Protein backbone atom coordinates (compact mmCIF):
# COMPACT_ATOMS: atom_id res chain seq x y z
CA UNK A 1 -10.31 -32.38 10.59
CA UNK A 2 -7.93 -35.43 11.74
CA UNK A 3 -4.97 -34.58 13.84
CA UNK A 4 -3.45 -35.02 10.95
CA UNK A 5 -4.75 -32.05 8.41
CA UNK A 6 -5.02 -29.70 11.69
CA UNK A 7 -0.77 -29.91 12.18
CA UNK A 8 -0.58 -29.50 8.86
CA UNK A 9 -2.70 -26.24 8.86
CA UNK A 10 -0.67 -25.04 11.74
CA UNK A 11 2.17 -25.54 9.85
CA UNK A 12 1.25 -23.86 7.10
CA UNK A 13 0.03 -20.57 8.93
CA UNK A 14 3.46 -20.42 10.90
CA UNK A 15 4.98 -20.56 7.68
CA UNK A 16 3.50 -18.21 6.19
CA UNK A 17 3.35 -15.96 9.16
CA UNK A 18 7.35 -15.55 9.35
CA UNK A 19 7.69 -15.67 5.16
CA UNK A 20 5.00 -13.25 4.74
CA UNK A 21 7.21 -11.13 7.66
CA UNK A 22 10.40 -11.70 5.85
CA UNK A 23 8.49 -10.50 2.96
CA UNK A 24 7.36 -7.00 4.20
CA UNK A 25 10.52 -7.18 6.21
CA UNK A 26 12.64 -6.09 2.86
CA UNK A 27 9.28 -4.21 1.14
CA UNK A 28 9.70 -1.45 3.92
CA UNK A 29 13.39 -1.48 4.34
CA UNK A 30 13.70 -1.12 0.61
CA UNK A 31 11.14 1.23 -0.24
CA UNK A 32 11.54 4.74 -1.62
CA UNK A 33 9.08 7.25 -2.14
CA UNK A 34 5.70 9.35 -0.69
CA UNK A 35 3.50 5.96 -1.03
CA UNK A 36 4.34 4.16 2.02
CA UNK A 37 1.93 2.83 4.28
CA UNK A 38 1.87 0.85 7.46
CA UNK A 39 -1.42 -1.33 6.25
CA UNK A 40 -0.21 -2.01 2.75
CA UNK A 41 3.27 -3.74 4.92
CA UNK A 42 0.73 -5.52 7.77
CA UNK A 43 -1.81 -6.71 5.11
CA UNK A 44 1.46 -8.35 2.93
CA UNK A 45 1.66 -10.80 6.05
CA UNK A 46 -1.77 -11.37 6.59
CA UNK A 47 -2.44 -12.09 2.66
CA UNK A 48 0.31 -14.49 2.47
CA UNK A 49 -1.17 -16.59 6.00
CA UNK A 50 -4.98 -15.56 4.15
CA UNK A 51 -3.88 -17.57 0.46
CA UNK A 52 -2.36 -20.61 2.62
CA UNK A 53 -5.76 -21.29 4.30
CA UNK A 54 -7.22 -20.80 1.10
CA UNK A 55 -5.50 -23.23 -1.19
CA UNK A 56 -5.42 -25.55 2.25
CA UNK A 57 -9.24 -25.14 2.64
CA UNK A 58 -9.53 -26.09 -1.45
CA UNK A 59 -7.17 -29.12 -1.81
CA UNK A 60 -8.32 -30.66 -4.26
CA UNK A 61 -11.74 -30.09 -3.56
CA UNK A 62 -13.69 -28.18 -7.31
CA UNK A 63 -16.41 -27.97 -5.42
CA UNK A 64 -15.47 -26.24 -3.22
CA UNK A 65 -12.60 -24.17 -5.35
CA UNK A 66 -15.44 -22.42 -7.36
CA UNK A 67 -17.51 -21.83 -4.33
CA UNK A 68 -14.45 -19.45 -3.19
CA UNK A 69 -14.33 -18.37 -6.28
CA UNK A 70 -17.65 -17.09 -6.43
CA UNK A 71 -17.40 -15.99 -2.77
CA UNK A 72 -14.96 -14.03 -3.61
CA UNK A 73 -16.28 -12.66 -6.30
CA UNK A 74 -18.35 -10.21 -4.52
CA UNK A 75 -15.94 -8.71 -2.95
CA UNK A 76 -14.71 -5.78 -4.74
CA UNK A 77 -11.51 -4.10 -4.25
CA UNK A 78 -10.91 -0.50 -5.03
CA UNK A 79 -7.50 0.28 -3.63
CA UNK A 80 -5.15 1.65 -6.05
CA UNK A 81 -2.09 0.90 -6.11
CA UNK A 82 0.78 4.12 -6.49
CA UNK A 83 3.46 1.77 -7.03
CA UNK A 84 4.08 -1.07 -10.03
CA UNK A 85 6.29 -2.31 -7.41
CA UNK A 86 4.06 -2.61 -4.59
CA UNK A 87 1.71 -4.86 -7.33
CA UNK A 88 5.00 -7.34 -7.27
CA UNK A 89 4.95 -7.59 -3.39
CA UNK A 90 1.32 -7.99 -3.52
CA UNK A 91 2.38 -11.30 -6.22
CA UNK A 92 4.85 -12.88 -4.92
CA UNK A 93 2.42 -13.14 -0.85
CA UNK A 94 -0.09 -14.15 -3.49
CA UNK A 95 2.11 -16.92 -5.39
CA UNK A 96 4.27 -17.66 -1.71
CA UNK A 97 0.68 -18.36 -0.17
CA UNK A 98 -0.21 -20.58 -2.67
CA UNK A 99 2.47 -22.84 -2.02
CA UNK A 100 2.35 -22.78 1.37
CA UNK A 101 -0.84 -23.92 1.10
CA UNK A 102 -0.53 -26.84 -0.97
CA UNK A 103 2.21 -28.32 1.03
CA UNK A 104 5.35 -27.26 -0.97
CA UNK A 105 7.35 -25.69 1.67
CA UNK A 106 11.23 -26.02 0.94
CA UNK A 107 10.08 -23.97 -2.72
CA UNK A 108 8.61 -21.60 -0.51
CA UNK A 109 11.46 -21.23 1.39
CA UNK A 110 13.78 -21.19 -1.47
CA UNK A 111 12.02 -18.98 -2.81
CA UNK A 112 11.35 -16.59 -0.72
CA UNK A 113 15.31 -16.48 -0.08
CA UNK A 114 16.11 -15.53 -3.83
CA UNK A 115 14.38 -13.88 -4.45
CA UNK A 116 14.11 -11.20 -1.15
CA UNK A 117 18.43 -11.80 -1.60
CA UNK A 118 17.77 -10.11 -5.35
CA UNK A 119 15.40 -7.44 -4.09
CA UNK A 120 17.93 -6.45 -1.74
CA UNK A 121 20.84 -6.40 -3.76
CA UNK A 122 18.62 -4.09 -7.16
CA UNK A 123 18.09 -1.88 -3.51
CA UNK A 124 21.64 -1.52 -2.40
CA UNK A 125 23.57 -0.73 -5.96
CA UNK A 126 19.68 1.26 -6.87
CA UNK A 127 19.53 -0.13 -10.11
CA UNK A 128 17.65 1.55 -12.06
CA UNK A 129 18.82 5.47 -11.19
CA UNK A 130 19.14 7.56 -14.07
CA UNK A 131 21.56 10.07 -12.40
CA UNK A 132 24.93 9.40 -9.84
CA UNK A 133 23.07 11.74 -7.34
CA UNK A 134 20.35 11.83 -4.82
CA UNK A 135 18.88 15.24 -5.22
CA UNK A 136 19.90 18.40 -4.66
CA UNK A 137 20.85 21.10 -1.69
CA UNK A 138 20.44 24.86 -1.60
CA UNK A 139 20.50 27.08 1.02
CA UNK A 140 21.69 30.87 1.63
CA UNK A 141 25.08 31.95 4.05
CA UNK A 142 25.99 35.50 5.08
CA UNK A 143 29.37 34.35 6.81
CA UNK A 144 32.39 35.71 4.69
CA UNK A 145 35.78 34.22 4.04
CA UNK A 146 36.73 31.29 7.02
CA UNK A 147 33.17 31.68 7.92
CA UNK A 148 31.65 30.53 4.64
CA UNK A 149 33.71 27.75 4.37
CA UNK A 150 32.35 25.35 7.17
CA UNK A 151 30.03 23.78 5.70
CA UNK A 152 31.90 22.15 3.78
CA UNK A 153 33.33 19.96 6.63
CA UNK A 154 29.44 19.02 6.96
CA UNK A 155 28.81 18.12 3.26
CA UNK A 156 32.51 15.82 3.59
CA UNK A 157 30.67 14.13 6.71
CA UNK A 158 26.95 13.18 5.44
CA UNK A 159 28.20 13.01 1.70
CA UNK A 160 30.01 10.67 -0.80
CA UNK A 161 30.47 12.65 -2.90
CA UNK A 162 28.79 17.07 -3.77
CA UNK A 163 29.14 18.73 -6.92
CA UNK A 164 28.57 23.13 -6.85
CA UNK A 165 25.63 23.59 -9.83
CA UNK A 166 25.02 27.19 -8.64
CA UNK A 167 27.14 30.31 -7.03
CA UNK A 168 25.12 33.46 -6.22
CA UNK A 169 26.21 36.63 -4.65
CA UNK A 170 24.68 39.76 -3.54
CA UNK A 171 23.21 42.58 -0.84
CA UNK A 172 25.88 40.13 1.41
CA UNK A 173 24.25 36.68 1.01
CA UNK A 174 25.46 34.29 -1.11
CA UNK A 175 23.01 31.70 -2.14
CA UNK A 176 24.67 27.90 -3.12
CA UNK A 177 23.35 24.92 -5.36
CA UNK A 178 25.18 21.03 -4.68
CA UNK A 179 24.10 18.93 -6.29
CA UNK A 180 24.88 15.65 -3.15
CA UNK A 181 25.40 12.03 -3.55
CA UNK A 182 24.13 10.78 0.43
CA UNK A 183 26.12 8.74 2.53
CA UNK A 184 22.86 7.57 4.40
CA UNK A 185 19.57 8.52 3.22
CA UNK A 186 18.08 7.95 6.54
CA UNK A 187 20.36 10.75 8.10
CA UNK A 188 19.06 13.55 6.12
CA UNK A 189 17.45 15.49 8.94
CA UNK A 190 20.67 15.72 10.70
CA UNK A 191 22.67 16.99 7.85
CA UNK A 192 20.29 19.94 7.25
CA UNK A 193 20.26 20.57 10.96
CA UNK A 194 24.15 21.04 10.98
CA UNK A 195 24.54 22.87 8.26
CA UNK A 196 22.32 25.76 10.07
CA UNK A 197 24.63 25.39 12.59
CA UNK A 198 27.44 25.95 10.30
CA UNK A 199 28.95 29.10 8.86
CA UNK A 200 25.69 31.38 8.92
CA UNK A 201 24.08 28.96 6.73
CA UNK A 202 20.16 29.40 6.21
CA UNK A 203 17.63 28.48 4.32
CA UNK A 204 18.43 24.33 4.14
CA UNK A 205 16.27 22.40 1.79
CA UNK A 206 17.22 18.98 0.66
CA UNK A 207 15.82 17.98 -2.89
CA UNK A 208 15.62 14.02 -3.55
CA UNK A 209 14.73 13.46 -6.98
CA UNK A 210 13.61 9.44 -7.15
CA UNK A 211 11.30 10.70 -3.63
CA UNK A 212 10.25 13.25 -5.34
CA UNK A 213 10.28 15.27 -1.34
CA UNK A 214 11.69 18.37 0.34
CA UNK A 215 12.74 17.68 3.55
């Protein structure tokens, strides 16, 4: 292999490594749900690099292309993706690797910037969400009078908006259920911890709608 081809291969793999990490980072930051796996995130980087290498090896050689297709046909992938969005990221990593392997560096970089910006934008505006609220916050309070209202400042600090759904009183205990829109989903544990310290609050439960998780 000539020095020029070696330099081209090194540049392709380096660019695939950098752009693959950009894909993986955006996937990690915008992922929601219970199906997140660190191995899948790392695979996005490696797939981009491997496909880039494959395209570099094939070049214009049709015989090599058919040989690689036959070799890949032996490998059976039994991993079932639980989220359609994961399939999109896999497909994007494959196409990006193909572009880099073919030497279309400018197209690969431009596509990465545009597509990942679109991904971040859709995640930021919560595109596709059917409800205005993030989920339901339920708890019990044994406090009375002013003590019962001590949890309200905590909710105002962690929630953009909240609305009472149910208030049931009995045997000195009041059960509350609120719809909540959180300021930052990453601070749910802080919200629950502070709620437990406010106004004799107990049995705090936060159920997020789109994550199908109870914290």
